[in-house]
Amino acid sequence: MKKRKHDDHEEHIDESWLIPYADLLTLLLALFIVLYAASSTDARKFEQMSEAFSAAFNSGAGILDNPAIIKSGEQPQQKIDDAKKTNTENKENDSESTLQELMKKEQEDLEKLKKQLDQYIKKNGLSSDLETKLNQSQLMITISDNALFASGSDALRSDSIELAAAISKMLEPYTGYEIIVSGHTDNQPIRTQSFKSNWDLSSSRAIRFMDVLLKNNKLKPERFSAIGYGEYRPVASNDTTAGRAKNRRVEVSIIRKYVDATNTQQVPATPKQ
């Protein structure tokens, strides 16, 4: 009996069933991952998982083909945090740059005003009665009471009215600044029908001088204030006639709007008597 000869080529096994089987496994894996994510209390991870599946199915790629999309999401979150940090730093840098520009412009303005005042003082021979000082907090104009008032009075002399009018004219371009007019006396007691104390005298002198400044209707009254300090902020010793003369004064302070907190020079302390 003759044996049946085998074919030269064996029949190939049909493996086409592996494709739907692999798809089924992929879907099952996706189902279990979604169920696991849904059971977790971490809403952020669930959102990231949802985005991962959306990207996978919309692109047509299998999840197993791109395992990176099912990572914990630490890298995307880090990128978000880094972006927020960078945005904040950029805003801070812009703000700091703007502040520096405003401070520079303010410094230029106050230096210009000081120069005008100094020229007026020199031109009118008032160097012994007026002084200007610019520091990190203000531009201060100091006026001796001898140039403004008679002893024990709050009535301005005629020439001091002209002085106040000249100062108010120079203040016209600077209406955005707060301006404080302060009155000061020496420590000699005063008690008259008009003034019960140095507090009353210093306050009234400050107000009277401010009244003349504000006759200029181009200035803004809401930017002005008047303060009386009496004898309690001396700049010299009250033990001498010259020292008491220095302490009797009116100060007009133009207050800075922009101050660098890291470079603020403190106003000199009041001398001890």
C-alpha atoms as a PDB file:
ATOM      1  CA  MET A   1       0.000   0.000   0.000  1.00  0.00           C
ATOM      2  CA  LYS A   2       1.404   3.345  -1.013  1.00  0.00           C
ATOM      3  CA  LYS A   3       1.811   6.105   1.571  1.00  0.00           C
ATOM      4  CA  ARG A   4       0.146   9.431   0.868  1.00  0.00           C
ATOM      5  CA  LYS A   5       2.702  12.014   0.088  1.00  0.00           C
ATOM      6  CA  HIS A   6       2.604  15.270   2.076  1.00  0.00           C
ATOM      7  CA  ASP A   7       2.214  18.487   0.211  1.00  0.00           C
ATOM      8  CA  ASP A   8       5.408  20.365  -0.267  1.00  0.00           C
ATOM      9  CA  HIS A   9       3.933  23.354   1.563  1.00  0.00           C
ATOM     10  CA  GLU A  10       2.015  23.002   4.768  1.00  0.00           C
ATOM     11  CA  GLU A  11      -1.179  24.964   5.057  1.00  0.00           C
ATOM     12  CA  HIS A  12      -0.815  28.352   6.847  1.00  0.00           C
ATOM     13  CA  ILE A  13      -2.860  28.842  10.036  1.00  0.00           C
ATOM     14  CA  ASP A  14      -5.470  31.582   9.755  1.00  0.00           C
ATOM     15  CA  GLU A  15      -4.430  34.255  12.322  1.00  0.00           C
ATOM     16  CA  SER A  16      -6.898  36.930  11.310  1.00  0.00           C
ATOM     17  CA  TRP A  17      -8.834  36.329  14.551  1.00  0.00           C
ATOM     18  CA  LEU A  18      -5.955  37.939  16.501  1.00  0.00           C
ATOM     19  CA  ILE A  19      -6.892  41.451  15.344  1.00  0.00           C
ATOM     20  CA  PRO A  20     -10.396  41.573  16.906  1.00  0.00           C
ATOM     21  CA  TYR A  21      -9.027  39.671  19.903  1.00  0.00           C
ATOM     22  CA  ALA A  22      -6.351  42.303  20.461  1.00  0.00           C
ATOM     23  CA  ASP A  23      -8.934  45.065  20.099  1.00  0.00           C
ATOM     24  CA  LEU A  24     -11.128  43.291  22.656  1.00  0.00           C
ATOM     25  CA  LEU A  25      -8.240  43.064  25.113  1.00  0.00           C
ATOM     26  CA  THR A  26      -7.474  46.735  24.570  1.00  0.00           C
ATOM     27  CA  LEU A  27     -11.074  47.693  25.288  1.00  0.00           C
ATOM     28  CA  LEU A  28     -11.147  45.501  28.392  1.00  0.00           C
ATOM     29  CA  LEU A  29      -7.948  47.115  29.627  1.00  0.00           C
ATOM     30  CA  ALA A  30      -9.415  50.531  28.966  1.00  0.00           C
ATOM     31  CA  LEU A  31     -12.575  49.584  30.855  1.00  0.00           C
ATOM     32  CA  PHE A  32     -10.658  48.395  33.935  1.00  0.00           C
ATOM     33  CA  ILE A  33      -8.487  51.528  33.942  1.00  0.00           C
ATOM     34  CA  VAL A  34     -11.530  53.805  33.675  1.00  0.00           C
ATOM     35  CA  LEU A  35     -13.273  51.905  36.483  1.00  0.00           C
ATOM     36  CA  TYR A  36     -10.188  52.217  38.639  1.00  0.00           C
ATOM     37  CA  ALA A  37      -9.872  55.915  37.927  1.00  0.00           C
ATOM     38  CA  ALA A  38     -13.575  56.483  38.605  1.00  0.00           C
ATOM     39  CA  SER A  39     -13.267  54.814  42.009  1.00  0.00           C
ATOM     40  CA  SER A  40     -10.408  57.129  43.030  1.00  0.00           C
ATOM     41  CA  THR A  41     -11.116  60.313  45.024  1.00  0.00           C
ATOM     42  CA  ASP A  42      -8.435  62.193  43.117  1.00  0.00           C
ATOM     43  CA  ALA A  43     -10.475  64.252  40.674  1.00  0.00           C
ATOM     44  CA  ARG A  44      -7.367  65.641  39.033  1.00  0.00           C
ATOM     45  CA  LYS A  45      -6.083  62.184  38.093  1.00  0.00           C
ATOM     46  CA  PHE A  46      -9.497  61.229  36.743  1.00  0.00           C
ATOM     47  CA  GLU A  47      -9.504  64.316  34.541  1.00  0.00           C
ATOM     48  CA  GLN A  48      -6.016  63.491  33.298  1.00  0.00           C
ATOM     49  CA  MET A  49      -7.071  59.891  32.578  1.00  0.00           C
ATOM     50  CA  SER A  50     -10.068  61.146  30.628  1.00  0.00           C
ATOM     51  CA  GLU A  51      -7.841  63.415  28.564  1.00  0.00           C
ATOM     52  CA  ALA A  52      -5.466  60.510  27.910  1.00  0.00           C
ATOM     53  CA  PHE A  53      -8.215  58.253  26.560  1.00  0.00           C
ATOM     54  CA  SER A  54      -9.669  61.041  24.504  1.00  0.00           C
ATOM     55  CA  ALA A  55      -6.292  61.649  22.908  1.00  0.00           C
ATOM     56  CA  ALA A  56      -5.743  57.941  22.283  1.00  0.00           C
ATOM     57  CA  PHE A  57      -9.092  57.243  20.636  1.00  0.00           C
ATOM     58  CA  ASN A  58      -9.180  60.460  18.623  1.00  0.00           C
ATOM     59  CA  SER A  59      -5.700  59.839  17.235  1.00  0.00           C
ATOM     60  CA  GLY A  60      -6.404  56.195  16.390  1.00  0.00           C
ATOM     61  CA  ALA A  61      -3.395  54.970  18.379  1.00  0.00           C
ATOM     62  CA  GLY A  62      -3.687  52.240  20.956  1.00  0.00           C
ATOM     63  CA  ILE A  63      -3.098  53.032  24.592  1.00  0.00           C
ATOM     64  CA  LEU A  64      -0.426  50.332  24.760  1.00  0.00           C
ATOM     65  CA  ASP A  65       1.282  51.910  21.751  1.00  0.00           C
ATOM     66  CA  ASN A  66       1.795  55.104  23.803  1.00  0.00           C
ATOM     67  CA  PRO A  67       2.113  54.213  27.465  1.00  0.00           C
ATOM     68  CA  ALA A  68       3.241  57.728  28.290  1.00  0.00           C
ATOM     69  CA  ILE A  69      -0.321  59.004  28.165  1.00  0.00           C
ATOM     70  CA  ILE A  70      -1.361  57.010  31.206  1.00  0.00           C
ATOM     71  CA  LYS A  71       1.350  58.427  33.461  1.00  0.00           C
ATOM     72  CA  SER A  72       0.361  60.051  36.715  1.00  0.00           C
ATOM     73  CA  GLY A  73       0.255  63.541  35.264  1.00  0.00           C
ATOM     74  CA  GLU A  74       3.042  64.957  37.370  1.00  0.00           C
ATOM     75  CA  GLN A  75       4.847  66.404  34.370  1.00  0.00           C
ATOM     76  CA  PRO A  76       1.812  68.274  32.933  1.00  0.00           C
ATOM     77  CA  GLN A  77       1.023  69.667  36.391  1.00  0.00           C
ATOM     78  CA  GLN A  78       4.624  70.736  36.833  1.00  0.00           C
ATOM     79  CA  LYS A  79       4.464  72.538  33.490  1.00  0.00           C
ATOM     80  CA  ILE A  80       1.317  74.350  34.606  1.00  0.00           C
ATOM     81  CA  ASP A  81       2.936  75.365  37.893  1.00  0.00           C
ATOM     82  CA  ASP A  82       6.068  76.514  36.076  1.00  0.00           C
ATOM     83  CA  ALA A  83       3.987  78.552  33.647  1.00  0.00           C
ATOM     84  CA  LYS A  84       2.102  80.228  36.515  1.00  0.00           C
ATOM     85  CA  LYS A  85       5.372  80.988  38.285  1.00  0.00           C
ATOM     86  CA  THR A  86       6.889  82.463  35.135  1.00  0.00           C
ATOM     87  CA  ASN A  87       3.783  84.566  34.517  1.00  0.00           C
ATOM     88  CA  THR A  88       3.880  85.882  38.092  1.00  0.00           C
ATOM     89  CA  GLU A  89       7.579  86.693  37.849  1.00  0.00           C
ATOM     90  CA  ASN A  90       7.032  88.518  34.562  1.00  0.00           C
ATOM     91  CA  LYS A  91       4.265  90.617  36.097  1.00  0.00           C
ATOM     92  CA  GLU A  92       6.425  91.429  39.102  1.00  0.00           C
ATOM     93  CA  ASN A  93       9.307  92.422  36.837  1.00  0.00           C
ATOM     94  CA  ASP A  94       7.007  94.627  34.747  1.00  0.00           C
ATOM     95  CA  SER A  95       5.591  96.212  37.900  1.00  0.00           C
ATOM     96  CA  GLU A  96       9.066  96.849  39.303  1.00  0.00           C
ATOM     97  CA  SER A  97      10.196  98.357  36.015  1.00  0.00           C
ATOM     98  CA  THR A  98       7.160 100.654  35.936  1.00  0.00           C
ATOM     99  CA  LEU A  99       7.786 101.722  39.545  1.00  0.00           C
ATOM    100  CA  GLN A 100      11.413 102.537  38.765  1.00  0.00           C
ATOM    101  CA  GLU A 101      10.332 104.688  35.823  1.00  0.00           C
ATOM    102  CA  LEU A 102       7.766 106.542  37.953  1.00  0.00           C
ATOM    103  CA  MET A 103      10.325 107.100  40.708  1.00  0.00           C
ATOM    104  CA  LYS A 104      12.827 108.453  38.195  1.00  0.00           C
ATOM    105  CA  LYS A 105      10.251 110.870  36.759  1.00  0.00           C
ATOM    106  CA  GLU A 106       9.237 111.991  40.250  1.00  0.00           C
ATOM    107  CA  GLN A 107      12.865 112.587  41.231  1.00  0.00           C
ATOM    108  CA  GLU A 108      13.345 114.730  38.143  1.00  0.00           C
ATOM    109  CA  ASP A 109      10.191 116.734  38.915  1.00  0.00           C
ATOM    110  CA  LEU A 110      11.129 117.398  42.539  1.00  0.00           C
ATOM    111  CA  GLU A 111      14.693 118.339  41.613  1.00  0.00           C
ATOM    112  CA  LYS A 112      13.298 120.797  39.078  1.00  0.00           C
ATOM    113  CA  LEU A 113      10.972 122.338  41.685  1.00  0.00           C
ATOM    114  CA  LYS A 114      13.793 122.578  44.236  1.00  0.00           C
ATOM    115  CA  LYS A 115      15.967 124.350  41.672  1.00  0.00           C
ATOM    116  CA  GLN A 116      13.183 126.882  41.015  1.00  0.00           C
ATOM    117  CA  LEU A 117      12.762 127.534  44.731  1.00  0.00           C
ATOM    118  CA  ASP A 118      16.502 127.898  45.310  1.00  0.00           C
ATOM    119  CA  GLN A 119      16.751 130.375  42.436  1.00  0.00           C
ATOM    120  CA  TYR A 120      13.875 132.411  43.908  1.00  0.00           C
ATOM    121  CA  ILE A 121      15.522 132.402  47.347  1.00  0.00           C
ATOM    122  CA  LYS A 122      18.853 133.562  45.917  1.00  0.00           C
ATOM    123  CA  LYS A 123      17.296 136.204  43.687  1.00  0.00           C
ATOM    124  CA  ASN A 124      15.338 137.751  46.570  1.00  0.00           C
ATOM    125  CA  GLY A 125      18.064 137.496  49.193  1.00  0.00           C
ATOM    126  CA  LEU A 126      16.103 135.091  51.409  1.00  0.00           C
ATOM    127  CA  SER A 127      18.865 132.600  52.153  1.00  0.00           C
ATOM    128  CA  SER A 128      18.714 133.320  55.883  1.00  0.00           C
ATOM    129  CA  ASP A 129      14.933 132.867  56.039  1.00  0.00           C
ATOM    130  CA  LEU A 130      14.194 130.024  53.596  1.00  0.00           C
ATOM    131  CA  GLU A 131      15.728 126.609  53.032  1.00  0.00           C
ATOM    132  CA  THR A 132      14.852 123.632  50.815  1.00  0.00           C
ATOM    133  CA  LYS A 133      15.719 120.003  51.437  1.00  0.00           C
ATOM    134  CA  LEU A 134      14.987 116.983  49.224  1.00  0.00           C
ATOM    135  CA  ASN A 135      15.174 113.485  50.670  1.00  0.00           C
ATOM    136  CA  GLN A 136      13.650 110.074  50.010  1.00  0.00           C
ATOM    137  CA  SER A 137      10.265 110.996  51.482  1.00  0.00           C
ATOM    138  CA  GLN A 138       9.629 114.638  50.578  1.00  0.00           C
ATOM    139  CA  LEU A 139      10.721 118.020  49.348  1.00  0.00           C
ATOM    140  CA  MET A 140      10.546 120.369  52.333  1.00  0.00           C
ATOM    141  CA  ILE A 141      10.493 124.166  52.248  1.00  0.00           C
ATOM    142  CA  THR A 142      11.389 125.646  55.649  1.00  0.00           C
ATOM    143  CA  ILE A 143      10.443 129.286  56.280  1.00  0.00           C
ATOM    144  CA  SER A 144      11.522 131.213  59.357  1.00  0.00           C
ATOM    145  CA  ASP A 145       8.682 132.822  61.296  1.00  0.00           C
ATOM    146  CA  ASN A 146      10.574 136.133  61.093  1.00  0.00           C
ATOM    147  CA  ALA A 147       9.879 136.132  57.355  1.00  0.00           C
ATOM    148  CA  LEU A 148       6.175 135.512  57.887  1.00  0.00           C
ATOM    149  CA  PHE A 149       4.729 136.776  61.172  1.00  0.00           C
ATOM    150  CA  ALA A 150       5.136 139.339  63.895  1.00  0.00           C
ATOM    151  CA  SER A 151       5.969 137.923  67.317  1.00  0.00           C
ATOM    152  CA  GLY A 152       3.039 136.064  68.873  1.00  0.00           C
ATOM    153  CA  SER A 153       0.818 136.699  65.814  1.00  0.00           C
ATOM    154  CA  ASP A 154      -0.656 134.569  63.036  1.00  0.00           C
ATOM    155  CA  ALA A 155      -1.202 137.488  60.653  1.00  0.00           C
ATOM    156  CA  LEU A 156       1.104 137.289  57.632  1.00  0.00           C
ATOM    157  CA  ARG A 157       3.252 140.259  56.770  1.00  0.00           C
ATOM    158  CA  SER A 158       2.620 141.876  53.385  1.00  0.00           C
ATOM    159  CA  ASP A 159       5.914 140.607  51.948  1.00  0.00           C
ATOM    160  CA  SER A 160       5.220 137.089  53.258  1.00  0.00           C
ATOM    161  CA  ILE A 161       1.953 137.105  51.324  1.00  0.00           C
ATOM    162  CA  GLU A 162       3.997 137.724  48.185  1.00  0.00           C
ATOM    163  CA  LEU A 163       6.273 134.839  49.175  1.00  0.00           C
ATOM    164  CA  ALA A 164       3.332 132.470  49.645  1.00  0.00           C
ATOM    165  CA  ALA A 165       1.903 133.544  46.286  1.00  0.00           C
ATOM    166  CA  ALA A 166       5.251 132.870  44.585  1.00  0.00           C
ATOM    167  CA  ILE A 167       5.475 129.396  46.132  1.00  0.00           C
ATOM    168  CA  SER A 168       1.910 128.587  45.109  1.00  0.00           C
ATOM    169  CA  LYS A 169       2.751 129.598  41.530  1.00  0.00           C
ATOM    170  CA  MET A 170       5.703 127.191  41.472  1.00  0.00           C
ATOM    171  CA  LEU A 171       3.462 124.398  42.829  1.00  0.00           C
ATOM    172  CA  GLU A 172       1.003 124.620  39.926  1.00  0.00           C
ATOM    173  CA  PRO A 173       2.593 121.809  37.815  1.00  0.00           C
ATOM    174  CA  TYR A 174       2.598 119.468  40.827  1.00  0.00           C
ATOM    175  CA  THR A 175      -1.073 119.284  41.786  1.00  0.00           C
ATOM    176  CA  GLY A 176      -0.930 115.486  42.083  1.00  0.00           C
ATOM    177  CA  TYR A 177       1.185 115.639  45.244  1.00  0.00           C
ATOM    178  CA  GLU A 178       0.019 115.711  48.849  1.00  0.00           C
ATOM    179  CA  ILE A 179       1.179 118.945  50.493  1.00  0.00           C
ATOM    180  CA  ILE A 180       1.415 119.407  54.256  1.00  0.00           C
ATOM    181  CA  VAL A 181       1.832 122.828  55.856  1.00  0.00           C
ATOM    182  CA  SER A 182       3.092 122.538  59.434  1.00  0.00           C
ATOM    183  CA  GLY A 183       3.633 125.213  62.078  1.00  0.00           C
ATOM    184  CA  HIS A 184       6.311 125.087  64.807  1.00  0.00           C
ATOM    185  CA  THR A 185       7.210 127.284  67.785  1.00  0.00           C
ATOM    186  CA  ASP A 186       9.942 127.469  70.392  1.00  0.00           C
ATOM    187  CA  ASN A 187       9.307 126.356  73.975  1.00  0.00           C
ATOM    188  CA  GLN A 188       8.547 129.811  75.369  1.00  0.00           C
ATOM    189  CA  PRO A 189       5.038 129.703  76.892  1.00  0.00           C
ATOM    190  CA  ILE A 190       2.318 131.797  75.316  1.00  0.00           C
ATOM    191  CA  ARG A 191      -1.089 132.599  76.734  1.00  0.00           C
ATOM    192  CA  THR A 192      -2.961 135.452  75.126  1.00  0.00           C
ATOM    193  CA  GLN A 193      -6.524 136.285  74.304  1.00  0.00           C
ATOM    194  CA  SER A 194      -6.025 134.749  70.828  1.00  0.00           C
ATOM    195  CA  PHE A 195      -3.807 131.768  71.675  1.00  0.00           C
ATOM    196  CA  LYS A 196      -3.979 129.609  74.772  1.00  0.00           C
ATOM    197  CA  SER A 197      -0.791 127.727  73.960  1.00  0.00           C
ATOM    198  CA  ASN A 198       1.918 127.124  71.389  1.00  0.00           C
ATOM    199  CA  TRP A 199      -0.333 124.443  69.927  1.00  0.00           C
ATOM    200  CA  ASP A 200      -2.894 127.110  69.029  1.00  0.00           C
ATOM    201  CA  LEU A 201      -0.292 129.495  67.653  1.00  0.00           C
ATOM    202  CA  SER A 202       1.490 126.909  65.491  1.00  0.00           C
ATOM    203  CA  SER A 203      -1.775 125.500  64.126  1.00  0.00           C
ATOM    204  CA  SER A 204      -3.168 128.919  63.279  1.00  0.00           C
ATOM    205  CA  ARG A 205       0.023 129.986  61.521  1.00  0.00           C
ATOM    206  CA  ALA A 206       0.014 126.850  59.393  1.00  0.00           C
ATOM    207  CA  ILE A 207      -3.615 127.413  58.408  1.00  0.00           C
ATOM    208  CA  ARG A 208      -3.097 131.114  57.610  1.00  0.00           C
ATOM    209  CA  PHE A 209      -0.140 130.337  55.351  1.00  0.00           C
ATOM    210  CA  MET A 210      -2.079 127.536  53.643  1.00  0.00           C
ATOM    211  CA  ASP A 211      -4.980 129.936  53.068  1.00  0.00           C
ATOM    212  CA  VAL A 212      -2.720 132.192  51.014  1.00  0.00           C
ATOM    213  CA  LEU A 213      -1.337 129.247  49.017  1.00  0.00           C
ATOM    214  CA  LEU A 214      -4.867 128.146  48.153  1.00  0.00           C
ATOM    215  CA  LYS A 215      -5.870 131.539  46.820  1.00  0.00           C
ATOM    216  CA  ASN A 216      -4.345 130.115  43.666  1.00  0.00           C
ATOM    217  CA  ASN A 217      -7.365 128.317  42.209  1.00  0.00           C
ATOM    218  CA  LYS A 218      -5.122 126.113  40.068  1.00  0.00           C
ATOM    219  CA  LEU A 219      -4.106 124.182  43.192  1.00  0.00           C
ATOM    220  CA  LYS A 220      -6.294 121.415  44.641  1.00  0.00           C
ATOM    221  CA  PRO A 221      -7.458 122.039  48.236  1.00  0.00           C
ATOM    222  CA  GLU A 222      -8.120 118.325  48.738  1.00  0.00           C
ATOM    223  CA  ARG A 223      -4.366 117.746  48.428  1.00  0.00           C
ATOM    224  CA  PHE A 224      -3.531 120.131  51.279  1.00  0.00           C
ATOM    225  CA  SER A 225      -3.522 119.739  55.040  1.00  0.00           C
ATOM    226  CA  ALA A 226      -2.342 121.953  57.915  1.00  0.00           C
ATOM    227  CA  ILE A 227      -0.785 120.727  61.170  1.00  0.00           C
ATOM    228  CA  GLY A 228       0.386 122.482  64.322  1.00  0.00           C
ATOM    229  CA  TYR A 229       3.240 120.817  66.229  1.00  0.00           C
ATOM    230  CA  GLY A 230       3.757 123.522  68.831  1.00  0.00           C
ATOM    231  CA  GLU A 231       7.161 123.305  70.506  1.00  0.00           C
ATOM    232  CA  TYR A 232       7.466 119.526  70.238  1.00  0.00           C
ATOM    233  CA  ARG A 233       9.504 119.087  67.048  1.00  0.00           C
ATOM    234  CA  PRO A 234      12.488 121.395  67.457  1.00  0.00           C
ATOM    235  CA  VAL A 235      15.377 121.367  64.992  1.00  0.00           C
ATOM    236  CA  ALA A 236      17.755 123.123  67.378  1.00  0.00           C
ATOM    237  CA  SER A 237      18.235 123.646  71.106  1.00  0.00           C
ATOM    238  CA  ASN A 238      15.787 125.975  72.838  1.00  0.00           C
ATOM    239  CA  ASP A 239      18.509 126.961  75.297  1.00  0.00           C
ATOM    240  CA  THR A 240      19.828 129.700  73.002  1.00  0.00           C
ATOM    241  CA  THR A 241      18.257 132.641  71.206  1.00  0.00           C
ATOM    242  CA  ALA A 242      19.571 131.399  67.846  1.00  0.00           C
ATOM    243  CA  GLY A 243      18.205 127.904  68.487  1.00  0.00           C
ATOM    244  CA  ARG A 244      14.757 129.198  69.422  1.00  0.00           C
ATOM    245  CA  ALA A 245      14.704 131.322  66.252  1.00  0.00           C
ATOM    246  CA  LYS A 246      15.336 128.212  64.154  1.00  0.00           C
ATOM    247  CA  ASN A 247      12.535 126.345  65.898  1.00  0.00           C
ATOM    248  CA  ARG A 248       9.963 129.058  65.112  1.00  0.00           C
ATOM    249  CA  ARG A 249       9.131 128.145  61.540  1.00  0.00           C
ATOM    250  CA  VAL A 250       6.568 127.007  58.959  1.00  0.00           C
ATOM    251  CA  GLU A 251       7.317 123.985  56.788  1.00  0.00           C
ATOM    252  CA  VAL A 252       5.721 123.177  53.440  1.00  0.00           C
ATOM    253  CA  SER A 253       6.268 119.493  52.569  1.00  0.00           C
ATOM    254  CA  ILE A 254       5.636 118.052  49.104  1.00  0.00           C
ATOM    255  CA  ILE A 255       5.239 114.335  49.811  1.00  0.00           C
ATOM    256  CA  ARG A 256       6.606 111.747  47.411  1.00  0.00           C
ATOM    257  CA  LYS A 257       4.101 109.359  45.826  1.00  0.00           C
ATOM    258  CA  TYR A 258       6.607 106.626  44.967  1.00  0.00           C
ATOM    259  CA  VAL A 259       9.020 105.385  47.604  1.00  0.00           C
ATOM    260  CA  ASP A 260      11.565 102.577  47.295  1.00  0.00           C
ATOM    261  CA  ALA A 261      11.176 100.729  50.595  1.00  0.00           C
ATOM    262  CA  THR A 262      14.650  99.216  50.237  1.00  0.00           C
ATOM    263  CA  ASN A 263      16.310 102.612  49.878  1.00  0.00           C
ATOM    264  CA  THR A 264      14.318 104.901  52.126  1.00  0.00           C
ATOM    265  CA  GLN A 265      16.391 107.364  54.084  1.00  0.00           C
ATOM    266  CA  GLN A 266      14.892 108.103  57.451  1.00  0.00           C
ATOM    267  CA  VAL A 267      14.152 111.723  58.362  1.00  0.00           C
ATOM    268  CA  PRO A 268      16.809 112.871  60.837  1.00  0.00           C
ATOM    269  CA  ALA A 269      15.804 112.465  64.444  1.00  0.00           C
ATOM    270  CA  THR A 270      14.776 115.525  66.430  1.00  0.00           C
ATOM    271  CA  PRO A 271      17.754 116.904  68.361  1.00  0.00           C
ATOM    272  CA  LYS A 272      17.617 116.446  72.105  1.00  0.00           C
ATOM    273  CA  GLN A 273      17.444 119.561  74.184  1.00  0.00           C
END
